[in-house]
């Protein structure tokens, strides 16, 4: 099913569609992208050309080719992707410059980081932000992953990175006003690791926001070791600026790269958050759809639904395999069910900390309580999705995820009425 991109959208989004029709005749928007040209543009912008590590060039070329041939980009989508690529490349140049100024930066030790995994929409973001309230924890904030170093010289107003990111988030919400009910945007909030690994063009984040199947296939074949080596390097930069602490990191996509994660972080500790996949699968499809909509000429909902089902049924199988793999070291893995997390969040944190032998201070406990009190339902809205909008069949999906639900003793919570699923975002 093809979704008309103007159905039920904002005024700002309709302006983008008009701009796209006008811009299709502009020569510079029809020229093929070249990785070399983008790299040269970033070097001119930063007035330096030393990346140190050039392993990003091949994945950048693969991604750009996929953008050109598969992503069905609007003119706005093309400009947004170009801005994103230039930002990432500029950040790489800044990271390298910081390392040259102070080589000791790369001696920063990242010990026993905690990684939160689970199927998307299962409460991982809620847990990540809850743990971020503990002053003893370090988390990558959204503004830090977008701009890891101050832009320009700061001036009288000082470091404005957080303000800049907040402004961009507000602008994006005007394009997709339904986004906050599915995934609240907060410049100060904890951010997923996919925004870190995107810097070296090896991130599943690109496949979430654009239809780029050939890039996704390349990434799966290539593996994720280079991405996680850079991930640690990025954390060293943030830690060098903010001071030491216990890193808490999150992305559902970590499950697809556990071998690389363990090679780079051999002492990593994992938290698996579990929830009924049928409760969240249409929500995953919906989030993918609305993230892609401002950038694509059309979005194929059935295509999105099949991608969500295929990827996350594989992800569920990998969660089972990972739990089996860690049976001999149970102290490294903590299981948390979504129902426990949302019903008694601070008690869930007590149990998590106890499992890893970490103390929860009174200050952190009170900060968590206040944070929860200000965000009913974790800050998410109530949403209703129809399975058939994404070509999904609850009976088929129940069979695909049955082994996962059985292995982790997950109680069904999906309420279906005919072919409609009533699903609360999370």
Protein backbone atom coordinates (compact mmCIF):
# COMPACT_ATOMS: atom_id res chain seq x y z
CA UNK A 1 0.00 0.00 0.00
CA UNK A 2 1.41 3.40 -0.95
CA UNK A 3 0.80 6.24 1.47
CA UNK A 4 0.00 9.63 0.02
CA UNK A 5 2.46 11.92 1.81
CA UNK A 6 -0.06 14.76 2.03
CA UNK A 7 -2.74 12.82 3.88
CA UNK A 8 -3.30 14.16 7.40
CA UNK A 9 -0.11 16.22 7.57
CA UNK A 10 0.89 19.68 8.71
CA UNK A 11 0.85 22.95 6.78
CA UNK A 12 4.66 23.00 6.88
CA UNK A 13 4.76 19.58 5.31
CA UNK A 14 2.47 20.68 2.47
CA UNK A 15 4.89 23.54 1.79
CA UNK A 16 7.67 20.95 1.45
CA UNK A 17 5.62 19.12 -1.18
CA UNK A 18 5.17 22.35 -3.14
CA UNK A 19 8.90 23.06 -2.86
CA UNK A 20 9.64 19.56 -4.13
CA UNK A 21 7.54 20.08 -7.26
CA UNK A 22 9.26 23.41 -7.96
CA UNK A 23 12.76 22.13 -7.18
CA UNK A 24 12.64 19.06 -9.42
CA UNK A 25 13.85 21.18 -12.32
CA UNK A 26 16.87 22.56 -10.45
CA UNK A 27 20.12 21.16 -11.80
CA UNK A 28 21.99 20.97 -8.48
CA UNK A 29 19.24 18.80 -6.97
CA UNK A 30 19.44 16.32 -9.83
CA UNK A 31 23.21 15.84 -9.85
CA UNK A 32 24.38 12.49 -8.46
CA UNK A 33 26.09 12.66 -5.10
CA UNK A 34 29.80 11.96 -4.91
CA UNK A 35 31.40 11.01 -1.60
CA UNK A 36 34.55 12.93 -2.57
CA UNK A 37 32.60 16.14 -3.08
CA UNK A 38 30.89 15.90 0.29
CA UNK A 39 34.22 15.22 1.98
CA UNK A 40 35.78 18.24 0.26
CA UNK A 41 32.84 20.41 1.35
CA UNK A 42 33.26 19.33 4.96
CA UNK A 43 37.00 20.04 4.80
CA UNK A 44 36.36 23.53 3.43
CA UNK A 45 33.78 24.19 6.12
CA UNK A 46 36.12 23.14 8.94
CA UNK A 47 39.30 24.45 7.29
CA UNK A 48 41.09 21.20 7.93
CA UNK A 49 41.41 17.89 6.12
CA UNK A 50 42.79 15.34 8.60
CA UNK A 51 40.21 12.67 9.42
CA UNK A 52 42.82 10.34 10.85
CA UNK A 53 40.73 7.26 10.12
CA UNK A 54 39.29 7.15 6.59
CA UNK A 55 37.34 3.89 6.93
CA UNK A 56 34.08 5.83 6.57
CA UNK A 57 34.61 6.49 2.84
CA UNK A 58 33.33 3.16 1.51
CA UNK A 59 30.14 3.05 3.63
CA UNK A 60 29.50 6.70 2.75
CA UNK A 61 29.64 5.83 -0.95
CA UNK A 62 27.33 2.83 -0.44
CA UNK A 63 24.85 4.95 1.51
CA UNK A 64 24.84 7.75 -1.05
CA UNK A 65 24.22 5.28 -3.87
CA UNK A 66 21.32 3.81 -1.93
CA UNK A 67 19.92 7.29 -1.33
CA UNK A 68 20.10 8.00 -5.06
CA UNK A 69 18.57 4.76 -6.31
CA UNK A 70 16.19 3.58 -3.56
CA UNK A 71 15.21 6.24 -1.03
CA UNK A 72 12.83 8.18 -3.32
CA UNK A 73 14.06 11.43 -1.78
CA UNK A 74 12.15 14.67 -2.11
CA UNK A 75 14.13 17.86 -2.68
CA UNK A 76 13.80 18.53 1.05
CA UNK A 77 14.90 14.97 1.77
CA UNK A 78 17.95 15.43 -0.39
CA UNK A 79 18.90 18.70 1.30
CA UNK A 80 18.31 17.20 4.74
CA UNK A 81 20.46 14.16 3.94
CA UNK A 82 23.24 16.39 2.63
CA UNK A 83 23.11 18.54 5.78
CA UNK A 84 23.29 15.37 7.87
CA UNK A 85 26.29 13.98 5.97
CA UNK A 86 28.18 17.28 6.18
CA UNK A 87 27.47 17.54 9.90
CA UNK A 88 28.77 14.02 10.52
CA UNK A 89 31.90 14.61 8.45
CA UNK A 90 32.51 17.95 10.16
CA UNK A 91 32.21 16.26 13.53
CA UNK A 92 34.81 13.66 12.48
CA UNK A 93 37.23 16.44 11.62
CA UNK A 94 36.60 18.11 14.98
CA UNK A 95 37.13 14.87 16.87
CA UNK A 96 40.45 14.34 15.11
CA UNK A 97 41.54 17.91 15.84
CA UNK A 98 40.75 17.44 19.54
CA UNK A 99 42.83 14.25 19.60
CA UNK A 100 45.77 16.04 18.03
CA UNK A 101 45.55 18.80 20.65
CA UNK A 102 45.43 16.28 23.49
CA UNK A 103 46.40 12.70 22.56
CA UNK A 104 45.73 11.60 26.16
CA UNK A 105 42.06 11.86 25.34
CA UNK A 106 42.19 8.38 23.79
CA UNK A 107 43.52 6.95 27.05
CA UNK A 108 40.15 7.53 28.72
CA UNK A 109 38.94 4.25 30.20
CA UNK A 110 35.35 3.13 29.59
CA UNK A 111 34.74 0.40 32.16
CA UNK A 112 31.75 -1.93 32.61
CA UNK A 113 29.30 0.07 30.50
CA UNK A 114 25.65 -0.93 30.74
CA UNK A 115 23.88 -1.51 27.42
CA UNK A 116 20.06 -1.51 27.23
CA UNK A 117 18.61 -3.77 24.55
CA UNK A 118 15.20 -5.10 23.60
CA UNK A 119 12.64 -4.88 20.88
CA UNK A 120 11.87 -1.26 19.96
CA UNK A 121 8.87 0.36 21.64
CA UNK A 122 9.35 -1.92 24.66
CA UNK A 123 10.34 0.77 27.16
CA UNK A 124 14.08 0.99 26.46
CA UNK A 125 13.99 4.76 25.94
CA UNK A 126 11.99 5.23 29.14
CA UNK A 127 14.54 3.14 31.06
CA UNK A 128 17.48 4.98 29.51
CA UNK A 129 16.12 8.39 30.49
CA UNK A 130 15.22 7.13 33.94
CA UNK A 131 18.78 5.95 34.52
CA UNK A 132 20.02 9.28 33.21
CA UNK A 133 18.58 10.92 36.34
CA UNK A 134 21.31 9.29 38.44
CA UNK A 135 24.26 11.75 38.65
CA UNK A 136 26.60 8.75 38.86
CA UNK A 137 25.62 7.68 35.34
CA UNK A 138 26.84 9.10 32.06
CA UNK A 139 24.55 8.97 29.02
CA UNK A 140 25.01 10.46 25.55
CA UNK A 141 22.63 13.40 25.38
CA UNK A 142 20.92 14.24 22.09
CA UNK A 143 22.72 17.57 21.77
CA UNK A 144 26.09 15.87 22.39
CA UNK A 145 25.62 13.25 19.70
CA UNK A 146 24.60 15.90 17.17
CA UNK A 147 27.34 18.39 18.09
CA UNK A 148 30.05 16.73 20.22
CA UNK A 149 32.10 19.95 20.28
CA UNK A 150 31.01 23.61 20.39
CA UNK A 151 30.43 25.27 17.05
CA UNK A 152 32.62 28.25 16.21
CA UNK A 153 34.08 30.28 19.06
CA UNK A 154 31.01 30.45 21.27
CA UNK A 155 30.89 34.22 21.67
CA UNK A 156 29.21 36.05 24.51
CA UNK A 157 26.35 33.58 24.73
CA UNK A 158 28.72 30.66 25.25
CA UNK A 159 28.00 27.08 24.23
CA UNK A 160 24.66 27.05 22.39
CA UNK A 161 24.64 23.44 21.16
CA UNK A 162 21.70 22.33 23.28
CA UNK A 163 19.68 25.38 22.22
CA UNK A 164 20.49 24.73 18.55
CA UNK A 165 19.37 21.11 18.76
CA UNK A 166 16.19 22.00 20.64
CA UNK A 167 15.33 24.48 17.88
CA UNK A 168 15.87 21.83 15.21
CA UNK A 169 13.71 19.37 17.11
CA UNK A 170 10.88 21.90 17.35
CA UNK A 171 11.08 22.51 13.61
CA UNK A 172 10.93 18.79 12.86
CA UNK A 173 7.91 18.30 15.11
CA UNK A 174 6.09 20.93 13.04
CA UNK A 175 6.56 18.63 10.04
CA UNK A 176 5.38 15.52 11.90
CA UNK A 177 3.21 16.71 14.81
CA UNK A 178 2.26 13.14 15.75
CA UNK A 179 5.89 12.23 16.51
CA UNK A 180 5.99 13.32 20.19
CA UNK A 181 3.20 10.89 21.12
CA UNK A 182 5.31 8.07 19.67
CA UNK A 183 8.81 9.23 20.51
CA UNK A 184 9.23 12.47 22.47
CA UNK A 185 12.18 14.60 21.30
CA UNK A 186 14.29 16.26 23.98
CA UNK A 187 17.63 17.89 23.24
CA UNK A 188 18.75 17.09 26.80
CA UNK A 189 17.39 13.56 26.75
CA UNK A 190 19.41 10.37 26.50
CA UNK A 191 20.12 9.47 22.89
CA UNK A 192 20.49 6.13 21.11
CA UNK A 193 23.90 4.85 20.09
CA UNK A 194 22.87 4.71 16.42
CA UNK A 195 23.43 8.47 16.28
CA UNK A 196 27.02 7.83 17.38
CA UNK A 197 27.81 5.07 14.90
CA UNK A 198 26.21 7.15 12.13
CA UNK A 199 29.36 9.28 12.18
CA UNK A 200 31.31 6.51 10.45
CA UNK A 201 28.34 5.75 8.18
CA UNK A 202 27.75 2.33 9.76
CA UNK A 203 24.43 2.70 11.51
CA UNK A 204 20.98 1.16 11.29
CA UNK A 205 19.66 4.66 11.93
CA UNK A 206 19.84 5.40 8.19
CA UNK A 207 17.60 2.42 7.46
CA UNK A 208 15.02 3.69 9.94
CA UNK A 209 14.68 7.14 8.40
CA UNK A 210 15.06 6.12 4.73
CA UNK A 211 14.30 3.19 2.47
CA UNK A 212 17.89 2.04 1.79
CA UNK A 213 17.79 -1.79 1.51
CA UNK A 214 21.06 -2.16 -0.42
CA UNK A 215 22.90 -0.15 2.25
CA UNK A 216 21.29 -2.26 4.99
CA UNK A 217 22.35 -5.45 3.21
CA UNK A 218 25.91 -4.12 2.83
CA UNK A 219 26.08 -3.24 6.52
CA UNK A 220 24.89 -6.69 7.55
CA UNK A 221 27.52 -8.34 5.35
CA UNK A 222 30.30 -5.97 6.42
CA UNK A 223 29.69 -6.22 10.16
CA UNK A 224 29.83 -3.65 12.93
CA UNK A 225 33.32 -3.82 14.43
CA UNK A 226 34.49 -0.50 12.95
CA UNK A 227 31.30 1.13 14.18
CA UNK A 228 31.88 -0.02 17.77
CA UNK A 229 35.53 0.97 17.73
CA UNK A 230 34.38 4.45 16.81
CA UNK A 231 31.60 4.23 19.41
CA UNK A 232 34.17 3.85 22.18
CA UNK A 233 36.27 6.64 20.71
CA UNK A 234 33.22 8.94 20.75
CA UNK A 235 32.51 8.10 24.39
CA UNK A 236 36.12 8.91 25.24
CA UNK A 237 35.60 12.37 23.80
CA UNK A 238 32.42 12.94 25.80
CA UNK A 239 34.00 11.57 28.96
CA UNK A 240 37.06 13.76 28.53
CA UNK A 241 34.74 16.77 28.53
CA UNK A 242 32.28 15.69 31.23
CA UNK A 243 34.37 13.62 33.63
CA UNK A 244 34.24 9.94 34.51
CA UNK A 245 31.13 7.98 35.41
CA UNK A 246 29.25 4.79 34.68
CA UNK A 247 28.13 4.77 31.04
CA UNK A 248 24.56 3.70 30.33
CA UNK A 249 23.90 3.19 26.63
CA UNK A 250 20.90 2.16 24.63
CA UNK A 251 19.74 0.97 21.26
CA UNK A 252 17.55 -1.96 20.24
CA UNK A 253 19.97 -2.38 17.32
CA UNK A 254 22.81 -3.51 19.61
CA UNK A 255 21.36 -7.01 19.46
CA UNK A 256 22.45 -7.28 15.82
CA UNK A 257 26.05 -6.49 16.70
CA UNK A 258 26.80 -8.30 19.96
CA UNK A 259 30.03 -9.87 18.68
CA UNK A 260 31.43 -6.44 17.84
CA UNK A 261 30.08 -4.96 21.08
CA UNK A 262 31.79 -7.62 23.21
CA UNK A 263 35.05 -7.32 21.29
CA UNK A 264 35.23 -3.58 21.98
CA UNK A 265 33.63 -3.75 25.45
CA UNK A 266 34.60 -7.17 26.89
CA UNK A 267 33.27 -6.18 30.34
CA UNK A 268 29.92 -4.86 29.07
CA UNK A 269 26.78 -5.55 31.07
CA UNK A 270 23.43 -5.96 29.36
CA UNK A 271 19.82 -5.18 30.24
CA UNK A 272 17.15 -6.90 28.15
CA UNK A 273 13.74 -5.20 28.29
CA UNK A 274 10.91 -7.52 27.24
CA UNK A 275 7.41 -6.78 26.00
CA UNK A 276 4.75 -8.53 23.96
CA UNK A 277 5.92 -7.96 20.35
CA UNK A 278 2.35 -7.88 19.08
CA UNK A 279 1.74 -4.92 21.34
CA UNK A 280 4.45 -2.86 19.72
CA UNK A 281 5.05 -4.11 16.17
CA UNK A 282 2.50 -1.84 14.43
CA UNK A 283 3.91 1.02 16.52
CA UNK A 284 7.38 0.31 15.12
CA UNK A 285 5.95 0.40 11.61
CA UNK A 286 4.11 3.64 12.32
CA UNK A 287 7.20 5.33 13.74
CA UNK A 288 9.24 4.26 10.71
CA UNK A 289 6.56 5.62 8.39
CA UNK A 290 6.35 9.07 9.97
CA UNK A 291 10.14 9.40 10.22
CA UNK A 292 10.50 8.68 6.51
CA UNK A 293 7.53 10.72 5.34
CA UNK A 294 9.12 14.22 5.24
CA UNK A 295 12.05 12.92 3.19
CA UNK A 296 10.39 10.58 0.67
CA UNK A 297 8.07 11.18 -2.26
CA UNK A 298 5.97 8.28 -1.05
CA UNK A 299 6.12 5.64 1.68
CA UNK A 300 5.01 2.08 1.05
CA UNK A 301 3.32 1.01 4.27
CA UNK A 302 3.30 -2.68 3.37
CA UNK A 303 7.03 -2.47 2.69
CA UNK A 304 7.54 -0.82 6.07
CA UNK A 305 5.44 -3.46 7.84
CA UNK A 306 7.37 -6.33 6.25
CA UNK A 307 10.67 -4.73 7.18
CA UNK A 308 9.59 -4.28 10.81
CA UNK A 309 8.30 -7.83 11.09
CA UNK A 310 11.33 -9.44 9.44
CA UNK A 311 13.93 -7.43 11.30
CA UNK A 312 12.46 -7.73 14.74
CA UNK A 313 11.49 -11.39 14.53
CA UNK A 314 15.20 -11.88 13.80
CA UNK A 315 16.02 -9.55 16.67
CA UNK A 316 13.82 -11.61 19.01
CA UNK A 317 15.68 -14.77 17.97
CA UNK A 318 18.99 -13.04 18.63
CA UNK A 319 17.82 -12.04 22.11
CA UNK A 320 17.11 -15.70 22.84
CA UNK A 321 20.50 -16.73 21.48
CA UNK A 322 22.27 -14.02 23.51
CA UNK A 323 20.57 -15.12 26.72
CA UNK A 324 21.69 -18.69 26.05
CA UNK A 325 25.20 -17.48 25.30
CA UNK A 326 25.44 -15.66 28.64
CA UNK A 327 24.06 -18.50 30.77
CA UNK A 328 27.50 -19.13 32.27
CA UNK A 329 27.88 -15.47 33.28
CA UNK A 330 24.37 -14.54 34.51
CA UNK A 331 25.77 -11.60 36.49
CA UNK A 332 26.33 -9.79 33.17
CA UNK A 333 22.68 -9.90 32.05
CA UNK A 334 19.58 -8.49 33.72
CA UNK A 335 16.07 -9.17 32.43
CA UNK A 336 13.34 -6.58 32.94
CA UNK A 337 9.75 -6.83 31.77
CA UNK A 338 7.98 -3.74 30.52
CA UNK A 339 5.08 -4.22 32.91
CA UNK A 340 7.43 -4.19 35.92
CA UNK A 341 9.22 -1.11 34.60
CA UNK A 342 6.13 1.05 34.08
CA UNK A 343 4.26 -0.16 37.18
CA UNK A 344 7.08 0.37 39.69
CA UNK A 345 9.94 2.12 37.87
CA UNK A 346 12.13 3.01 40.85
CA UNK A 347 11.76 -0.49 42.28
CA UNK A 348 12.82 -1.84 38.88
CA UNK A 349 15.96 0.32 39.08
CA UNK A 350 16.65 -0.98 42.58
CA UNK A 351 16.53 -4.53 41.23
CA UNK A 352 18.73 -3.65 38.23
CA UNK A 353 21.34 -1.95 40.39
CA UNK A 354 21.26 -4.80 42.87
CA UNK A 355 21.91 -7.33 40.12
CA UNK A 356 25.01 -5.44 38.98
CA UNK A 357 26.21 -4.68 42.51
CA UNK A 358 25.65 -0.94 42.15
CA UNK A 359 24.31 1.33 44.87
CA UNK A 360 21.39 3.68 44.24
CA UNK A 361 21.80 6.90 46.20
CA UNK A 362 18.90 8.70 47.87
CA UNK A 363 19.57 11.68 45.61
CA UNK A 364 19.28 9.55 42.47
CA UNK A 365 16.18 7.74 43.75
CA UNK A 366 14.39 11.04 44.42
CA UNK A 367 15.43 12.47 41.04
CA UNK A 368 13.96 9.39 39.35
CA UNK A 369 10.71 9.69 41.27
CA UNK A 370 10.33 13.33 40.30
CA UNK A 371 11.12 12.58 36.65
CA UNK A 372 8.47 9.86 36.51
CA UNK A 373 5.87 12.04 38.26
CA UNK A 374 6.24 14.71 35.56
CA UNK A 375 5.79 12.22 32.71
CA UNK A 376 2.60 10.17 32.87
CA UNK A 377 2.91 7.08 30.68
CA UNK A 378 6.59 7.93 30.24
CA UNK A 379 5.73 11.04 28.24
CA UNK A 380 4.08 9.05 25.44
CA UNK A 381 0.61 9.48 24.02
CA UNK A 382 -2.12 6.92 23.44
CA UNK A 383 -2.17 5.67 19.89
CA UNK A 384 -4.32 3.32 17.83
CA UNK A 385 -3.00 1.45 14.79
CA UNK A 386 -4.55 -0.91 12.30
CA UNK A 387 -2.59 -4.03 11.48
CA UNK A 388 -3.80 -4.10 7.88
CA UNK A 389 -2.39 -0.62 7.21
CA UNK A 390 1.03 -2.24 7.25
CA UNK A 391 0.11 -5.60 5.73
CA UNK A 392 0.48 -7.32 9.10
CA UNK A 393 -1.57 -10.24 10.39
CA UNK A 394 -1.65 -10.73 14.19
CA UNK A 395 -1.97 -14.52 13.86
CA UNK A 396 1.11 -14.71 11.63
CA UNK A 397 3.13 -12.45 13.89
CA UNK A 398 2.12 -14.42 16.98
CA UNK A 399 3.65 -17.53 15.44
CA UNK A 400 6.83 -15.68 14.44
CA UNK A 401 7.44 -14.43 17.98
CA UNK A 402 6.14 -17.41 19.95
CA UNK A 403 9.59 -18.81 20.82
CA UNK A 404 10.73 -15.43 22.12
CA UNK A 405 7.64 -14.99 24.30
CA UNK A 406 7.95 -18.51 25.65
CA UNK A 407 11.68 -18.22 26.41
CA UNK A 408 11.26 -15.04 28.46
CA UNK A 409 7.81 -15.82 29.90
CA UNK A 410 6.17 -12.75 28.32
CA UNK A 411 2.45 -12.46 28.95
CA UNK A 412 0.31 -11.39 25.95
CA UNK A 413 -1.05 -7.89 26.36
CA UNK A 414 -2.30 -7.05 22.88
CA UNK A 415 -6.00 -6.25 22.63
CA UNK A 416 -7.38 -6.90 19.17
CA UNK A 417 -10.84 -6.15 17.85
CA UNK A 418 -11.18 -7.65 14.41
CA UNK A 419 -8.14 -6.35 12.61
CA UNK A 420 -7.63 -3.26 14.77
CA UNK A 421 -5.00 -3.18 17.49
CA UNK A 422 -5.34 -0.77 20.39
CA UNK A 423 -1.76 0.01 21.26
CA UNK A 424 -0.28 2.53 23.69
CA UNK A 425 3.00 3.98 22.51
CA UNK A 426 6.07 3.27 24.65
